[in-house]
Amino acid sequence: MPRKEYKQLNCRDAGMDCDFMVRAETEEEVLAAAASHGSRVHGLKEIPAEKKAKIQSAIKTVRL
């Protein structure tokens, strides 16, 4: 059976001391979930450009 590809982000890989992980079908979905998590848990009203670049570079492709 072919394995499905997902995008995955671990909050810790983006530089935060946090065990949150999101997995979704697209990078856009991962970024939306990361923004929501950042707002709720880390108190970020918006993600600064330099942090967004770090988040994007931390997104990995996984096959499950």
N, C-alpha and C. Protein backbone atom coordinates (compact mmCIF):
# COMPACT_ATOMS: atom_id res chain seq x y z
N MET A 1 0.85 -1.18 0.00
CA MET A 1 0.00 0.00 0.00
C MET A 1 0.90 1.25 0.00
N PRO A 2 0.66 2.19 -0.91
CA PRO A 2 1.48 3.41 -0.94
C PRO A 2 1.28 4.25 0.32
N ARG A 3 2.38 4.85 0.74
CA ARG A 3 2.31 5.70 1.93
C ARG A 3 1.97 7.12 1.51
N LYS A 4 1.24 7.79 2.36
CA LYS A 4 0.79 9.16 2.07
C LYS A 4 1.82 10.15 2.60
N GLU A 5 2.01 11.24 1.86
CA GLU A 5 2.95 12.29 2.24
C GLU A 5 2.26 13.41 2.98
N TYR A 6 2.87 13.86 4.06
CA TYR A 6 2.35 14.97 4.86
C TYR A 6 3.46 15.96 5.13
N LYS A 7 3.07 17.15 5.53
CA LYS A 7 3.99 18.16 6.03
C LYS A 7 3.87 18.15 7.55
N GLN A 8 5.00 18.26 8.23
CA GLN A 8 5.00 18.18 9.69
C GLN A 8 5.91 19.25 10.28
N LEU A 9 5.47 19.82 11.39
CA LEU A 9 6.25 20.82 12.11
C LEU A 9 6.23 20.49 13.59
N ASN A 10 7.40 20.46 14.19
CA ASN A 10 7.54 20.34 15.63
C ASN A 10 7.90 21.73 16.15
N CYS A 11 7.17 22.22 17.11
CA CYS A 11 7.40 23.56 17.65
C CYS A 11 8.85 23.71 18.12
N ARG A 12 9.38 22.67 18.74
CA ARG A 12 10.75 22.69 19.24
C ARG A 12 11.75 22.93 18.09
N ASP A 13 11.48 22.37 16.91
CA ASP A 13 12.37 22.55 15.76
C ASP A 13 12.35 23.99 15.25
N ALA A 14 11.31 24.73 15.62
CA ALA A 14 11.20 26.13 15.22
C ALA A 14 11.78 27.06 16.29
N GLY A 15 12.43 26.46 17.30
CA GLY A 15 13.14 27.26 18.29
C GLY A 15 12.40 27.51 19.59
N MET A 16 11.26 26.86 19.79
CA MET A 16 10.49 27.06 21.02
C MET A 16 10.70 25.88 21.96
N ASP A 17 10.58 26.12 23.25
CA ASP A 17 10.67 25.05 24.25
C ASP A 17 9.26 24.49 24.44
N CYS A 18 8.83 23.69 23.47
CA CYS A 18 7.43 23.25 23.41
C CYS A 18 7.36 21.94 22.62
N ASP A 19 6.51 21.03 23.06
CA ASP A 19 6.38 19.73 22.42
C ASP A 19 5.25 19.65 21.39
N PHE A 20 4.63 20.77 21.04
CA PHE A 20 3.55 20.78 20.05
C PHE A 20 4.07 20.26 18.70
N MET A 21 3.23 19.47 18.03
CA MET A 21 3.53 18.98 16.70
C MET A 21 2.26 19.05 15.87
N VAL A 22 2.40 19.49 14.63
CA VAL A 22 1.27 19.51 13.71
C VAL A 22 1.67 18.77 12.44
N ARG A 23 0.71 18.02 11.90
CA ARG A 23 0.91 17.31 10.65
C ARG A 23 -0.32 17.58 9.79
N ALA A 24 -0.10 17.96 8.54
CA ALA A 24 -1.20 18.27 7.65
C ALA A 24 -0.80 17.93 6.22
N GLU A 25 -1.76 18.03 5.32
CA GLU A 25 -1.48 17.68 3.93
C GLU A 25 -0.69 18.76 3.19
N THR A 26 -0.83 20.02 3.61
CA THR A 26 -0.13 21.10 2.91
C THR A 26 0.65 21.98 3.89
N GLU A 27 1.65 22.66 3.36
CA GLU A 27 2.43 23.60 4.16
C GLU A 27 1.54 24.73 4.67
N GLU A 28 0.58 25.16 3.85
CA GLU A 28 -0.32 26.24 4.26
C GLU A 28 -1.14 25.84 5.48
N GLU A 29 -1.60 24.59 5.51
CA GLU A 29 -2.36 24.10 6.68
C GLU A 29 -1.47 24.04 7.92
N VAL A 30 -0.23 23.63 7.74
CA VAL A 30 0.71 23.59 8.86
C VAL A 30 0.95 25.00 9.39
N LEU A 31 1.17 25.96 8.50
CA LEU A 31 1.41 27.34 8.92
C LEU A 31 0.20 27.93 9.63
N ALA A 32 -0.99 27.62 9.16
CA ALA A 32 -2.21 28.11 9.82
C ALA A 32 -2.32 27.54 11.23
N ALA A 33 -2.05 26.25 11.38
CA ALA A 33 -2.11 25.62 12.70
C ALA A 33 -1.02 26.19 13.61
N ALA A 34 0.16 26.44 13.05
CA ALA A 34 1.26 27.00 13.83
C ALA A 34 0.92 28.41 14.31
N ALA A 35 0.29 29.21 13.45
CA ALA A 35 -0.11 30.56 13.84
C ALA A 35 -1.14 30.52 14.96
N SER A 36 -2.11 29.62 14.85
CA SER A 36 -3.13 29.48 15.88
C SER A 36 -2.50 29.03 17.20
N HIS A 37 -1.62 28.05 17.13
CA HIS A 37 -0.92 27.56 18.32
C HIS A 37 -0.07 28.67 18.94
N GLY A 38 0.67 29.39 18.10
CA GLY A 38 1.52 30.47 18.59
C GLY A 38 0.73 31.54 19.32
N SER A 39 -0.45 31.83 18.83
CA SER A 39 -1.31 32.82 19.46
C SER A 39 -1.85 32.31 20.80
N ARG A 40 -2.41 31.10 20.79
CA ARG A 40 -3.03 30.54 22.00
C ARG A 40 -2.03 30.21 23.09
N VAL A 41 -0.92 29.57 22.72
CA VAL A 41 0.00 29.02 23.72
C VAL A 41 1.17 29.94 24.03
N HIS A 42 1.68 30.61 23.01
CA HIS A 42 2.88 31.43 23.19
C HIS A 42 2.60 32.93 23.23
N GLY A 43 1.34 33.31 23.08
CA GLY A 43 0.96 34.72 23.16
C GLY A 43 1.44 35.58 22.00
N LEU A 44 1.72 34.96 20.86
CA LEU A 44 2.17 35.72 19.69
C LEU A 44 0.95 36.26 18.95
N LYS A 45 0.87 37.58 18.83
CA LYS A 45 -0.25 38.18 18.09
C LYS A 45 -0.07 37.97 16.59
N GLU A 46 1.17 37.97 16.16
CA GLU A 46 1.50 37.65 14.77
C GLU A 46 2.89 37.04 14.78
N ILE A 47 3.23 36.36 13.70
CA ILE A 47 4.54 35.73 13.62
C ILE A 47 5.47 36.67 12.87
N PRO A 48 6.55 37.14 13.52
CA PRO A 48 7.50 38.02 12.85
C PRO A 48 8.14 37.31 11.65
N ALA A 49 8.57 38.08 10.66
CA ALA A 49 9.12 37.53 9.42
C ALA A 49 10.28 36.57 9.68
N GLU A 50 11.18 36.92 10.59
CA GLU A 50 12.33 36.05 10.85
C GLU A 50 11.90 34.73 11.50
N LYS A 51 10.88 34.77 12.34
CA LYS A 51 10.36 33.55 12.97
C LYS A 51 9.62 32.71 11.93
N LYS A 52 8.89 33.37 11.02
CA LYS A 52 8.16 32.65 9.97
C LYS A 52 9.15 31.90 9.08
N ALA A 53 10.27 32.53 8.76
CA ALA A 53 11.29 31.87 7.94
C ALA A 53 11.84 30.64 8.66
N LYS A 54 12.07 30.76 9.97
CA LYS A 54 12.57 29.62 10.75
C LYS A 54 11.52 28.51 10.79
N ILE A 55 10.26 28.88 10.95
CA ILE A 55 9.17 27.89 10.97
C ILE A 55 9.11 27.16 9.63
N GLN A 56 9.15 27.93 8.53
CA GLN A 56 9.07 27.31 7.21
C GLN A 56 10.23 26.36 6.96
N SER A 57 11.42 26.73 7.43
CA SER A 57 12.57 25.84 7.22
C SER A 57 12.50 24.60 8.10
N ALA A 58 11.71 24.64 9.17
CA ALA A 58 11.57 23.50 10.08
C ALA A 58 10.49 22.51 9.63
N ILE A 59 9.70 22.88 8.63
CA ILE A 59 8.64 21.98 8.13
C ILE A 59 9.29 20.86 7.33
N LYS A 60 8.96 19.64 7.70
CA LYS A 60 9.52 18.46 7.04
C LYS A 60 8.41 17.69 6.32
N THR A 61 8.80 16.95 5.31
CA THR A 61 7.88 16.04 4.63
C THR A 61 8.03 14.66 5.27
N VAL A 62 6.92 14.07 5.67
CA VAL A 62 6.94 12.73 6.25
C VAL A 62 6.01 11.83 5.45
N ARG A 63 6.31 10.56 5.43
CA ARG A 63 5.47 9.57 4.74
C ARG A 63 4.96 8.58 5.76
N LEU A 64 3.65 8.42 5.79
CA LEU A 64 3.02 7.50 6.75
C LEU A 64 2.16 6.49 6.03
